[in-house]
PDB file of N, CA and C in Angstrom:
ATOM      1  N   UNK A   1      -1.213  60.498 137.383  1.00  0.00           N
ATOM      2  CA  UNK A   1      -2.397  59.902 136.804  1.00  0.00           C
ATOM      3  C   UNK A   1      -3.503  59.866 137.866  1.00  0.00           C
ATOM      4  N   UNK A   2      -4.709  60.170 137.449  1.00  0.00           N
ATOM      5  CA  UNK A   2      -5.833  60.248 138.384  1.00  0.00           C
ATOM      6  C   UNK A   2      -6.304  58.858 138.805  1.00  0.00           C
ATOM      7  N   UNK A   3      -6.947  58.820 139.946  1.00  0.00           N
ATOM      8  CA  UNK A   3      -7.502  57.569 140.457  1.00  0.00           C
ATOM      9  C   UNK A   3      -8.770  57.229 139.680  1.00  0.00           C
ATOM     10  N   UNK A   4      -9.028  55.944 139.486  1.00  0.00           N
ATOM     11  CA  UNK A   4     -10.195  55.484 138.746  1.00  0.00           C
ATOM     12  C   UNK A   4     -11.494  55.890 139.443  1.00  0.00           C
ATOM     13  N   UNK A   5     -12.476  56.348 138.681  1.00  0.00           N
ATOM     14  CA  UNK A   5     -13.766  56.720 139.253  1.00  0.00           C
ATOM     15  C   UNK A   5     -14.472  55.508 139.851  1.00  0.00           C
ATOM     16  N   UNK A   6     -14.185  54.338 139.290  1.00  0.00           N
ATOM     17  CA  UNK A   6     -14.783  53.105 139.793  1.00  0.00           C
ATOM     18  C   UNK A   6     -14.357  52.835 141.242  1.00  0.00           C
ATOM     19  N   UNK A   7     -13.092  53.157 141.561  1.00  0.00           N
ATOM     20  CA  UNK A   7     -12.583  52.931 142.915  1.00  0.00           C
ATOM     21  C   UNK A   7     -13.064  53.993 143.893  1.00  0.00           C
ATOM     22  N   UNK A   8     -13.296  55.205 143.433  1.00  0.00           N
ATOM     23  CA  UNK A   8     -13.689  56.289 144.322  1.00  0.00           C
ATOM     24  C   UNK A   8     -12.478  56.985 144.915  1.00  0.00           C
ATOM     25  N   UNK A   9     -12.689  58.067 145.655  1.00  0.00           N
ATOM     26  CA  UNK A   9     -11.563  58.813 146.220  1.00  0.00           C
ATOM     27  C   UNK A   9     -10.900  58.045 147.362  1.00  0.00           C
ATOM     28  N   UNK A  10      -9.587  58.256 147.520  1.00  0.00           N
ATOM     29  CA  UNK A  10      -8.861  57.602 148.605  1.00  0.00           C
ATOM     30  C   UNK A  10      -8.930  58.463 149.850  1.00  0.00           C
ATOM     31  N   UNK A  11      -9.411  57.899 150.930  1.00  0.00           N
ATOM     32  CA  UNK A  11      -9.424  58.556 152.229  1.00  0.00           C
ATOM     33  C   UNK A  11      -8.804  57.588 153.219  1.00  0.00           C
ATOM     34  N   UNK A  12      -7.786  58.032 153.906  1.00  0.00           N
ATOM     35  CA  UNK A  12      -7.106  57.191 154.884  1.00  0.00           C
ATOM     36  C   UNK A  12      -8.104  56.750 155.953  1.00  0.00           C
ATOM     37  N   UNK A  13      -8.173  55.442 156.202  1.00  0.00           N
ATOM     38  CA  UNK A  13      -9.171  54.887 157.133  1.00  0.00           C
ATOM     39  C   UNK A  13      -8.995  55.413 158.553  1.00  0.00           C
ATOM     40  N   UNK A  14      -7.744  55.504 159.012  1.00  0.00           N
ATOM     41  CA  UNK A  14      -7.486  55.991 160.372  1.00  0.00           C
ATOM     42  C   UNK A  14      -7.911  57.453 160.511  1.00  0.00           C
ATOM     43  N   UNK A  15      -7.669  58.234 159.478  1.00  0.00           N
ATOM     44  CA  UNK A  15      -8.036  59.644 159.508  1.00  0.00           C
ATOM     45  C   UNK A  15      -9.555  59.807 159.541  1.00  0.00           C
ATOM     46  N   UNK A  16     -10.246  59.028 158.729  1.00  0.00           N
ATOM     47  CA  UNK A  16     -11.711  59.088 158.710  1.00  0.00           C
ATOM     48  C   UNK A  16     -12.286  58.667 160.058  1.00  0.00           C
ATOM     49  N   UNK A  17     -11.673  57.672 160.681  1.00  0.00           N
ATOM     50  CA  UNK A  17     -12.128  57.231 162.000  1.00  0.00           C
ATOM     51  C   UNK A  17     -11.925  58.328 163.045  1.00  0.00           C
ATOM     52  N   UNK A  18     -10.787  59.034 162.968  1.00  0.00           N
ATOM     53  CA  UNK A  18     -10.536  60.146 163.889  1.00  0.00           C
ATOM     54  C   UNK A  18     -11.576  61.245 163.723  1.00  0.00           C
ATOM     55  N   UNK A  19     -11.969  61.518 162.468  1.00  0.00           N
ATOM     56  CA  UNK A  19     -12.971  62.549 162.196  1.00  0.00           C
ATOM     57  C   UNK A  19     -14.314  62.140 162.777  1.00  0.00           C
ATOM     58  N   UNK A  20     -14.704  60.891 162.553  1.00  0.00           N
ATOM     59  CA  UNK A  20     -15.992  60.419 163.056  1.00  0.00           C
ATOM     60  C   UNK A  20     -16.020  60.390 164.591  1.00  0.00           C
ATOM     61  N   UNK A  21     -14.893  60.027 165.204  1.00  0.00           N
ATOM     62  CA  UNK A  21     -14.817  60.019 166.665  1.00  0.00           C
ATOM     63  C   UNK A  21     -14.929  61.426 167.241  1.00  0.00           C
ATOM     64  N   UNK A  22     -14.255  62.378 166.616  1.00  0.00           N
ATOM     65  CA  UNK A  22     -14.307  63.742 167.146  1.00  0.00           C
ATOM     66  C   UNK A  22     -15.647  64.406 166.840  1.00  0.00           C
ATOM     67  N   UNK A  23     -16.379  63.912 165.818  1.00  0.00           N
ATOM     68  CA  UNK A  23     -17.724  64.422 165.542  1.00  0.00           C
ATOM     69  C   UNK A  23     -18.652  64.045 166.686  1.00  0.00           C
ATOM     70  N   UNK A  24     -18.541  62.820 167.160  1.00  0.00           N
ATOM     71  CA  UNK A  24     -19.404  62.363 168.253  1.00  0.00           C
ATOM     72  C   UNK A  24     -18.955  62.949 169.589  1.00  0.00           C
ATOM     73  N   UNK A  25     -17.646  63.190 169.743  1.00  0.00           N
ATOM     74  CA  UNK A  25     -17.109  63.740 170.990  1.00  0.00           C
ATOM     75  C   UNK A  25     -17.461  65.203 171.163  1.00  0.00           C
ATOM     76  N   UNK A  26     -17.485  65.951 170.082  1.00  0.00           N
ATOM     77  CA  UNK A  26     -17.868  67.354 170.137  1.00  0.00           C
ATOM     78  C   UNK A  26     -16.743  68.318 170.463  1.00  0.00           C
ATOM     79  N   UNK A  27     -15.612  67.850 170.931  1.00  0.00           N
ATOM     80  CA  UNK A  27     -14.506  68.737 171.277  1.00  0.00           C
ATOM     81  C   UNK A  27     -13.790  69.184 170.002  1.00  0.00           C
ATOM     82  N   UNK A  28     -13.552  70.481 169.890  1.00  0.00           N
ATOM     83  CA  UNK A  28     -12.846  71.023 168.728  1.00  0.00           C
ATOM     84  C   UNK A  28     -11.356  71.035 169.022  1.00  0.00           C
ATOM     85  N   UNK A  29     -10.631  70.126 168.395  1.00  0.00           N
ATOM     86  CA  UNK A  29      -9.189  70.101 168.536  1.00  0.00           C
ATOM     87  C   UNK A  29      -8.573  69.791 167.180  1.00  0.00           C
ATOM     88  N   UNK A  30      -7.290  70.032 167.067  1.00  0.00           N
ATOM     89  CA  UNK A  30      -6.581  69.787 165.810  1.00  0.00           C
ATOM     90  C   UNK A  30      -6.313  68.292 165.672  1.00  0.00           C
ATOM     91  N   UNK A  31      -6.663  67.744 164.520  1.00  0.00           N
ATOM     92  CA  UNK A  31      -6.435  66.325 164.238  1.00  0.00           C
ATOM     93  C   UNK A  31      -5.131  66.226 163.460  1.00  0.00           C
ATOM     94  N   UNK A  32      -4.099  65.672 164.091  1.00  0.00           N
ATOM     95  CA  UNK A  32      -2.798  65.541 163.427  1.00  0.00           C
ATOM     96  C   UNK A  32      -2.811  64.369 162.467  1.00  0.00           C
ATOM     97  N   UNK A  33      -2.194  64.582 161.294  1.00  0.00           N
ATOM     98  CA  UNK A  33      -2.136  63.511 160.311  1.00  0.00           C
ATOM     99  C   UNK A  33      -0.901  63.647 159.428  1.00  0.00           C
ATOM    100  N   UNK A  34      -0.422  62.513 158.970  1.00  0.00           N
ATOM    101  CA  UNK A  34       0.660  62.456 157.991  1.00  0.00           C
ATOM    102  C   UNK A  34       0.095  62.068 156.631  1.00  0.00           C
ATOM    103  N   UNK A  35      -1.201  61.814 156.539  1.00  0.00           N
ATOM    104  CA  UNK A  35      -1.838  61.328 155.303  1.00  0.00           C
ATOM    105  C   UNK A  35      -2.141  62.495 154.372  1.00  0.00           C
ATOM    106  N   UNK A  36      -1.097  63.043 153.756  1.00  0.00           N
ATOM    107  CA  UNK A  36      -1.249  64.168 152.829  1.00  0.00           C
ATOM    108  C   UNK A  36      -1.985  63.753 151.563  1.00  0.00           C
ATOM    109  N   UNK A  37      -1.965  62.470 151.243  1.00  0.00           N
ATOM    110  CA  UNK A  37      -2.561  61.965 150.011  1.00  0.00           C
ATOM    111  C   UNK A  37      -4.059  61.700 150.143  1.00  0.00           C
ATOM    112  N   UNK A  38      -4.622  61.905 151.311  1.00  0.00           N
ATOM    113  CA  UNK A  38      -6.048  61.655 151.520  1.00  0.00           C
ATOM    114  C   UNK A  38      -6.882  62.752 150.870  1.00  0.00           C
ATOM    115  N   UNK A  39      -7.968  62.342 150.235  1.00  0.00           N
ATOM    116  CA  UNK A  39      -8.893  63.287 149.630  1.00  0.00           C
ATOM    117  C   UNK A  39      -9.819  63.839 150.708  1.00  0.00           C
ATOM    118  N   UNK A  40     -10.135  65.118 150.604  1.00  0.00           N
ATOM    119  CA  UNK A  40     -11.027  65.752 151.577  1.00  0.00           C
ATOM    120  C   UNK A  40     -12.461  65.389 151.227  1.00  0.00           C
ATOM    121  N   UNK A  41     -13.178  64.827 152.200  1.00  0.00           N
ATOM    122  CA  UNK A  41     -14.568  64.415 151.990  1.00  0.00           C
ATOM    123  C   UNK A  41     -15.492  65.396 152.712  1.00  0.00           C
ATOM    124  N   UNK A  42     -16.789  65.376 152.412  1.00  0.00           N
ATOM    125  CA  UNK A  42     -17.733  66.286 153.073  1.00  0.00           C
ATOM    126  C   UNK A  42     -17.805  66.115 154.589  1.00  0.00           C
ATOM    127  N   UNK A  43     -17.463  64.924 155.107  1.00  0.00           N
ATOM    128  CA  UNK A  43     -17.481  64.707 156.549  1.00  0.00           C
ATOM    129  C   UNK A  43     -16.403  65.525 157.257  1.00  0.00           C
ATOM    130  N   UNK A  44     -15.363  65.929 156.529  1.00  0.00           N
ATOM    131  CA  UNK A  44     -14.235  66.633 157.123  1.00  0.00           C
ATOM    132  C   UNK A  44     -14.458  68.138 157.219  1.00  0.00           C
ATOM    133  N   UNK A  45     -15.518  68.651 156.630  1.00  0.00           N
ATOM    134  CA  UNK A  45     -15.770  70.093 156.616  1.00  0.00           C
ATOM    135  C   UNK A  45     -16.005  70.589 158.034  1.00  0.00           C
ATOM    136  N   UNK A  46     -15.324  71.681 158.387  1.00  0.00           N
ATOM    137  CA  UNK A  46     -15.475  72.277 159.712  1.00  0.00           C
ATOM    138  C   UNK A  46     -14.419  71.846 160.711  1.00  0.00           C
ATOM    139  N   UNK A  47     -13.564  70.911 160.343  1.00  0.00           N
ATOM    140  CA  UNK A  47     -12.510  70.439 161.244  1.00  0.00           C
ATOM    141  C   UNK A  47     -11.191  71.091 160.878  1.00  0.00           C
ATOM    142  N   UNK A  48     -10.295  71.164 161.858  1.00  0.00           N
ATOM    143  CA  UNK A  48      -8.946  71.661 161.621  1.00  0.00           C
ATOM    144  C   UNK A  48      -7.986  70.488 161.695  1.00  0.00           C
ATOM    145  N   UNK A  49      -7.182  70.330 160.656  1.00  0.00           N
ATOM    146  CA  UNK A  49      -6.217  69.238 160.575  1.00  0.00           C
ATOM    147  C   UNK A  49      -4.814  69.799 160.677  1.00  0.00           C
ATOM    148  N   UNK A  50      -3.957  69.090 161.383  1.00  0.00           N
ATOM    149  CA  UNK A  50      -2.537  69.400 161.423  1.00  0.00           C
ATOM    150  C   UNK A  50      -1.872  68.509 160.401  1.00  0.00           C
ATOM    151  N   UNK A  51      -1.608  69.048 159.215  1.00  0.00           N
ATOM    152  CA  UNK A  51      -1.036  68.266 158.108  1.00  0.00           C
ATOM    153  C   UNK A  51       0.480  68.416 158.149  1.00  0.00           C
ATOM    154  N   UNK A  52       1.171  67.285 158.206  1.00  0.00           N
ATOM    155  CA  UNK A  52       2.631  67.284 158.324  1.00  0.00           C
ATOM    156  C   UNK A  52       3.258  67.637 156.984  1.00  0.00           C
ATOM    157  N   UNK A  53       4.197  68.581 156.993  1.00  0.00           N
ATOM    158  CA  UNK A  53       4.852  68.968 155.742  1.00  0.00           C
ATOM    159  C   UNK A  53       6.287  68.465 155.664  1.00  0.00           C
ATOM    160  N   UNK A  54       6.652  67.566 156.548  1.00  0.00           N
ATOM    161  CA  UNK A  54       8.001  67.025 156.562  1.00  0.00           C
ATOM    162  C   UNK A  54       8.824  67.569 157.711  1.00  0.00           C
ATOM    163  N   UNK A  55       8.391  68.718 158.260  1.00  0.00           N
ATOM    164  CA  UNK A  55       9.115  69.327 159.364  1.00  0.00           C
ATOM    165  C   UNK A  55       8.192  69.630 160.536  1.00  0.00           C
ATOM    166  N   UNK A  56       7.013  70.138 160.238  1.00  0.00           N
ATOM    167  CA  UNK A  56       6.070  70.532 161.283  1.00  0.00           C
ATOM    168  C   UNK A  56       4.641  70.294 160.796  1.00  0.00           C
ATOM    169  N   UNK A  57       3.697  70.479 161.688  1.00  0.00           N
ATOM    170  CA  UNK A  57       2.293  70.320 161.337  1.00  0.00           C
ATOM    171  C   UNK A  57       1.706  71.687 161.004  1.00  0.00           C
ATOM    172  N   UNK A  58       1.153  71.809 159.811  1.00  0.00           N
ATOM    173  CA  UNK A  58       0.531  73.062 159.374  1.00  0.00           C
ATOM    174  C   UNK A  58      -0.971  72.938 159.605  1.00  0.00           C
ATOM    175  N   UNK A  59      -1.549  73.896 160.306  1.00  0.00           N
ATOM    176  CA  UNK A  59      -2.983  73.869 160.601  1.00  0.00           C
ATOM    177  C   UNK A  59      -3.774  74.213 159.339  1.00  0.00           C
ATOM    178  N   UNK A  60      -4.699  73.323 158.968  1.00  0.00           N
ATOM    179  CA  UNK A  60      -5.538  73.516 157.787  1.00  0.00           C
ATOM    180  C   UNK A  60      -6.989  73.397 158.218  1.00  0.00           C
ATOM    181  N   UNK A  61      -7.735  74.505 158.130  1.00  0.00           N
ATOM    182  CA  UNK A  61      -9.166  74.474 158.434  1.00  0.00           C
ATOM    183  C   UNK A  61      -9.890  74.117 157.139  1.00  0.00           C
ATOM    184  N   UNK A  62     -10.673  73.051 157.160  1.00  0.00           N
ATOM    185  CA  UNK A  62     -11.330  72.551 155.951  1.00  0.00           C
ATOM    186  C   UNK A  62     -12.671  73.250 155.768  1.00  0.00           C
ATOM    187  N   UNK A  63     -12.829  73.879 154.607  1.00  0.00           N
ATOM    188  CA  UNK A  63     -14.092  74.526 154.256  1.00  0.00           C
ATOM    189  C   UNK A  63     -14.754  73.740 153.124  1.00  0.00           C
ATOM    190  N   UNK A  64     -15.934  74.164 152.741  1.00  0.00           N
ATOM    191  CA  UNK A  64     -16.711  73.448 151.734  1.00  0.00           C
ATOM    192  C   UNK A  64     -16.048  73.472 150.356  1.00  0.00           C
ATOM    193  N   UNK A  65     -15.288  74.524 150.082  1.00  0.00           N
ATOM    194  CA  UNK A  65     -14.631  74.649 148.776  1.00  0.00           C
ATOM    195  C   UNK A  65     -13.500  73.639 148.589  1.00  0.00           C
ATOM    196  N   UNK A  66     -12.982  73.095 149.670  1.00  0.00           N
ATOM    197  CA  UNK A  66     -11.833  72.190 149.606  1.00  0.00           C
ATOM    198  C   UNK A  66     -12.215  70.739 149.317  1.00  0.00           C
ATOM    199  N   UNK A  67     -13.499  70.415 149.340  1.00  0.00           N
ATOM    200  CA  UNK A  67     -13.928  69.027 149.128  1.00  0.00           C
ATOM    201  C   UNK A  67     -13.487  68.563 147.744  1.00  0.00           C
ATOM    202  N   UNK A  68     -12.863  67.387 147.703  1.00  0.00           N
ATOM    203  CA  UNK A  68     -12.368  66.832 146.447  1.00  0.00           C
ATOM    204  C   UNK A  68     -10.883  67.043 146.242  1.00  0.00           C
ATOM    205  N   UNK A  69     -10.273  67.961 147.000  1.00  0.00           N
ATOM    206  CA  UNK A  69      -8.840  68.190 146.911  1.00  0.00           C
ATOM    207  C   UNK A  69      -8.120  67.293 147.906  1.00  0.00           C
ATOM    208  N   UNK A  70      -6.795  67.273 147.823  1.00  0.00           N
ATOM    209  CA  UNK A  70      -5.978  66.490 148.757  1.00  0.00           C
ATOM    210  C   UNK A  70      -5.543  67.374 149.922  1.00  0.00           C
ATOM    211  N   UNK A  71      -5.336  66.779 151.084  1.00  0.00           N
ATOM    212  CA  UNK A  71      -4.886  67.536 152.248  1.00  0.00           C
ATOM    213  C   UNK A  71      -3.512  68.167 152.024  1.00  0.00           C
ATOM    214  N   UNK A  72      -2.655  67.479 151.307  1.00  0.00           N
ATOM    215  CA  UNK A  72      -1.298  67.966 151.066  1.00  0.00           C
ATOM    216  C   UNK A  72      -1.227  69.222 150.228  1.00  0.00           C
ATOM    217  N   UNK A  73      -2.298  69.546 149.485  1.00  0.00           N
ATOM    218  CA  UNK A  73      -2.295  70.743 148.655  1.00  0.00           C
ATOM    219  C   UNK A  73      -2.271  72.009 149.502  1.00  0.00           C
ATOM    220  N   UNK A  74      -2.722  71.925 150.727  1.00  0.00           N
ATOM    221  CA  UNK A  74      -2.853  73.095 151.574  1.00  0.00           C
ATOM    222  C   UNK A  74      -1.743  73.202 152.615  1.00  0.00           C
ATOM    223  N   UNK A  75      -0.749  72.332 152.519  1.00  0.00           N
ATOM    224  CA  UNK A  75       0.391  72.349 153.421  1.00  0.00           C
ATOM    225  C   UNK A  75       1.669  72.281 152.580  1.00  0.00           C
ATOM    226  N   UNK A  76       2.217  73.443 152.176  1.00  0.00           N
ATOM    227  CA  UNK A  76       3.400  73.430 151.306  1.00  0.00           C
ATOM    228  C   UNK A  76       4.616  72.828 152.001  1.00  0.00           C
ATOM    229  N   UNK A  77       5.386  72.062 151.235  1.00  0.00           N
ATOM    230  CA  UNK A  77       6.557  71.383 151.793  1.00  0.00           C
ATOM    231  C   UNK A  77       7.827  72.193 151.630  1.00  0.00           C
ATOM    232  N   UNK A  78       7.823  73.179 150.744  1.00  0.00           N
ATOM    233  CA  UNK A  78       9.003  74.007 150.548  1.00  0.00           C
ATOM    234  C   UNK A  78       8.663  75.458 150.838  1.00  0.00           C
ATOM    235  N   UNK A  79       9.670  76.208 151.253  1.00  0.00           N
ATOM    236  CA  UNK A  79       9.480  77.615 151.576  1.00  0.00           C
ATOM    237  C   UNK A  79      10.022  78.438 150.419  1.00  0.00           C
ATOM    238  N   UNK A  80       9.168  79.270 149.824  1.00  0.00           N
ATOM    239  CA  UNK A  80       9.603  80.133 148.728  1.00  0.00           C
ATOM    240  C   UNK A  80      10.215  81.390 149.317  1.00  0.00           C
ATOM    241  N   UNK A  81      11.486  81.634 149.010  1.00  0.00           N
ATOM    242  CA  UNK A  81      12.118  82.837 149.529  1.00  0.00           C
ATOM    243  C   UNK A  81      11.923  83.982 148.546  1.00  0.00           C
ATOM    244  N   UNK A  82      12.495  83.901 147.366  1.00  0.00           N
ATOM    245  CA  UNK A  82      12.301  84.895 146.313  1.00  0.00           C
ATOM    246  C   UNK A  82      13.129  84.503 145.114  1.00  0.00           C
ATOM    247  N   UNK A  83      12.868  85.172 143.999  1.00  0.00           N
ATOM    248  CA  UNK A  83      13.702  84.998 142.825  1.00  0.00           C
ATOM    249  C   UNK A  83      14.891  85.939 142.978  1.00  0.00           C
ATOM    250  N   UNK A  84      16.033  85.522 142.501  1.00  0.00           N
ATOM    251  CA  UNK A  84      17.237  86.320 142.683  1.00  0.00           C
ATOM    252  C   UNK A  84      17.608  87.098 141.439  1.00  0.00           C
ATOM    253  N   UNK A  85      18.775  87.679 141.479  1.00  0.00           N
ATOM    254  CA  UNK A  85      19.303  88.389 140.326  1.00  0.00           C
ATOM    255  C   UNK A  85      19.303  89.891 140.508  1.00  0.00           C
ATOM    256  N   UNK A  86      19.984  90.560 139.564  1.00  0.00           N
ATOM    257  CA  UNK A  86      20.120  92.010 139.610  1.00  0.00           C
ATOM    258  C   UNK A  86      18.778  92.713 139.445  1.00  0.00           C
ATOM    259  N   UNK A  87      17.952  92.206 138.555  1.00  0.00           N
ATOM    260  CA  UNK A  87      16.667  92.833 138.291  1.00  0.00           C
ATOM    261  C   UNK A  87      15.771  92.792 139.535  1.00  0.00           C
ATOM    262  N   UNK A  88      15.785  91.697 140.258  1.00  0.00           N
ATOM    263  CA  UNK A  88      14.982  91.553 141.471  1.00  0.00           C
ATOM    264  C   UNK A  88      15.443  92.543 142.538  1.00  0.00           C
ATOM    265  N   UNK A  89      16.753  92.753 142.657  1.00  0.00           N
ATOM    266  CA  UNK A  89      17.274  93.700 143.642  1.00  0.00           C
ATOM    267  C   UNK A  89      16.822  95.123 143.314  1.00  0.00           C
ATOM    268  N   UNK A  90      16.800  95.464 142.013  1.00  0.00           N
ATOM    269  CA  UNK A  90      16.349  96.801 141.602  1.00  0.00           C
ATOM    270  C   UNK A  90      14.869  96.998 141.922  1.00  0.00           C
ATOM    271  N   UNK A  91      14.064  95.974 141.698  1.00  0.00           N
ATOM    272  CA  UNK A  91      12.630  96.057 141.992  1.00  0.00           C
ATOM    273  C   UNK A  91      12.405  96.242 143.483  1.00  0.00           C
ATOM    274  N   UNK A  92      13.125  95.485 144.297  1.00  0.00           N
ATOM    275  CA  UNK A  92      12.983  95.597 145.749  1.00  0.00           C
ATOM    276  C   UNK A  92      13.456  96.954 146.259  1.00  0.00           C
ATOM    277  N   UNK A  93      14.542  97.484 145.689  1.00  0.00           N
ATOM    278  CA  UNK A  93      15.042  98.798 146.095  1.00  0.00           C
ATOM    279  C   UNK A  93      14.022  99.879 145.753  1.00  0.00           C
ATOM    280  N   UNK A  94      13.388  99.777 144.596  1.00  0.00           N
ATOM    281  CA  UNK A  94      12.354 100.738 144.201  1.00  0.00           C
ATOM    282  C   UNK A  94      11.152 100.679 145.132  1.00  0.00           C
ATOM    283  N   UNK A  95      10.764  99.476 145.527  1.00  0.00           N
ATOM    284  CA  UNK A  95       9.628  99.306 146.440  1.00  0.00           C
ATOM    285  C   UNK A  95       9.947  99.897 147.810  1.00  0.00           C
ATOM    286  N   UNK A  96      11.182  99.707 148.286  1.00  0.00           N
ATOM    287  CA  UNK A  96      11.589 100.274 149.565  1.00  0.00           C
ATOM    288  C   UNK A  96      11.598 101.796 149.512  1.00  0.00           C
ATOM    289  N   UNK A  97      12.037 102.372 148.387  1.00  0.00           N
ATOM    290  CA  UNK A  97      12.060 103.823 148.237  1.00  0.00           C
ATOM    291  C   UNK A  97      10.645 104.393 148.258  1.00  0.00           C
ATOM    292  N   UNK A  98       9.704 103.721 147.592  1.00  0.00           N
ATOM    293  CA  UNK A  98       8.311 104.166 147.592  1.00  0.00           C
ATOM    294  C   UNK A  98       7.727 104.116 148.999  1.00  0.00           C
ATOM    295  N   UNK A  99       8.025 103.048 149.723  1.00  0.00           N
ATOM    296  CA  UNK A  99       7.517 102.886 151.085  1.00  0.00           C
ATOM    297  C   UNK A  99       8.079 103.980 151.993  1.00  0.00           C
ATOM    298  N   UNK A 100       9.363 104.290 151.853  1.00  0.00           N
ATOM    299  CA  UNK A 100       9.979 105.340 152.657  1.00  0.00           C
ATOM    300  C   UNK A 100       9.348 106.698 152.343  1.00  0.00           C
ATOM    301  N   UNK A 101       9.051 106.952 151.067  1.00  0.00           N
ATOM    302  CA  UNK A 101       8.421 108.213 150.680  1.00  0.00           C
ATOM    303  C   UNK A 101       7.020 108.322 151.276  1.00  0.00           C
ATOM    304  N   UNK A 102       6.274 107.222 151.304  1.00  0.00           N
ATOM    305  CA  UNK A 102       4.927 107.232 151.893  1.00  0.00           C
ATOM    306  C   UNK A 102       4.990 107.538 153.385  1.00  0.00           C
ATOM    307  N   UNK A 103       5.937 106.912 154.085  1.00  0.00           N
ATOM    308  CA  UNK A 103       6.083 107.126 155.522  1.00  0.00           C
ATOM    309  C   UNK A 103       6.456 108.578 155.799  1.00  0.00           C
ATOM    310  N   UNK A 104       7.371 109.118 154.998  1.00  0.00           N
ATOM    311  CA  UNK A 104       7.801 110.506 155.168  1.00  0.00           C
ATOM    312  C   UNK A 104       6.654 111.474 154.903  1.00  0.00           C
ATOM    313  N   UNK A 105       5.869 111.198 153.878  1.00  0.00           N
ATOM    314  CA  UNK A 105       4.737 112.047 153.530  1.00  0.00           C
ATOM    315  C   UNK A 105       3.673 111.998 154.631  1.00  0.00           C
ATOM    316  N   UNK A 106       3.407 110.825 155.168  1.00  0.00           N
ATOM    317  CA  UNK A 106       2.439 110.685 156.248  1.00  0.00           C
ATOM    318  C   UNK A 106       2.924 111.420 157.497  1.00  0.00           C
ATOM    319  N   UNK A 107       4.213 111.377 157.764  1.00  0.00           N
ATOM    320  CA  UNK A 107       4.786 112.072 158.916  1.00  0.00           C
ATOM    321  C   UNK A 107       4.687 113.580 158.762  1.00  0.00           C
ATOM    322  N   UNK A 108       4.914 114.082 157.557  1.00  0.00           N
ATOM    323  CA  UNK A 108       4.837 115.534 157.345  1.00  0.00           C
ATOM    324  C   UNK A 108       3.392 116.021 157.435  1.00  0.00           C
ATOM    325  N   UNK A 109       2.427 115.216 157.010  1.00  0.00           N
ATOM    326  CA  UNK A 109       1.006 115.576 157.132  1.00  0.00           C
ATOM    327  C   UNK A 109       0.601 115.627 158.599  1.00  0.00           C
ATOM    328  N   UNK A 110       1.104 114.701 159.379  1.00  0.00           N
ATOM    329  CA  UNK A 110       0.772 114.662 160.806  1.00  0.00           C
ATOM    330  C   UNK A 110       1.344 115.889 161.509  1.00  0.00           C
ATOM    331  N   UNK A 111       2.574 116.291 161.147  1.00  0.00           N
ATOM    332  CA  UNK A 111       3.197 117.470 161.750  1.00  0.00           C
ATOM    333  C   UNK A 111       2.445 118.735 161.357  1.00  0.00           C
ATOM    334  N   UNK A 112       2.027 118.823 160.115  1.00  0.00           N
ATOM    335  CA  UNK A 112       1.294 119.989 159.627  1.00  0.00           C
ATOM    336  C   UNK A 112      -0.049 120.127 160.338  1.00  0.00           C
ATOM    337  N   UNK A 113      -0.746 119.010 160.556  1.00  0.00           N
ATOM    338  CA  UNK A 113      -2.035 119.066 161.238  1.00  0.00           C
ATOM    339  C   UNK A 113      -1.873 119.421 162.709  1.00  0.00           C
ATOM    340  N   UNK A 114      -0.785 119.004 163.340  1.00  0.00           N
ATOM    341  CA  UNK A 114      -0.562 119.335 164.745  1.00  0.00           C
ATOM    342  C   UNK A 114      -0.161 120.799 164.901  1.00  0.00           C
ATOM    343  N   UNK A 115       0.507 121.388 163.904  1.00  0.00           N
ATOM    344  CA  UNK A 115       0.910 122.793 163.952  1.00  0.00           C
ATOM    345  C   UNK A 115      -0.309 123.702 163.794  1.00  0.00           C
ATOM    346  N   UNK A 116      -1.314 123.257 163.034  1.00  0.00           N
ATOM    347  CA  UNK A 116      -2.522 124.061 162.829  1.00  0.00           C
ATOM    348  C   UNK A 116      -3.318 124.215 164.118  1.00  0.00           C
ATOM    349  N   UNK A 117      -3.261 123.239 164.966  1.00  0.00           N
ATOM    350  CA  UNK A 117      -4.035 123.269 166.223  1.00  0.00           C
ATOM    351  C   UNK A 117      -3.341 124.124 167.180  1.00  0.00           C
TER     352      UNK A 117
END
């Protein structure tokens, strides 16, 4: 459920203070935070945040398009490996065969051009 418009967006106070301090300091460094639920405000644009995903800090550079979103949206907590099954293996085998054919074709073109010289 969304937050009430009357209350406004939630921004962690400590995080906002860190942003304001580093704005006055001028040094560009990564601001580490665990506040994944904080909304990105216009003051945060141009800073790099280290957003904790449960295991490590993922570097997130905040641009103008991200204003209004949450910091946690840009730091995934799970790693997607792939979908499994027989069909997926066939697709991957076909992709590998195409890649091998491209490499072989590029190699034969290179040999042909070197023989002409």
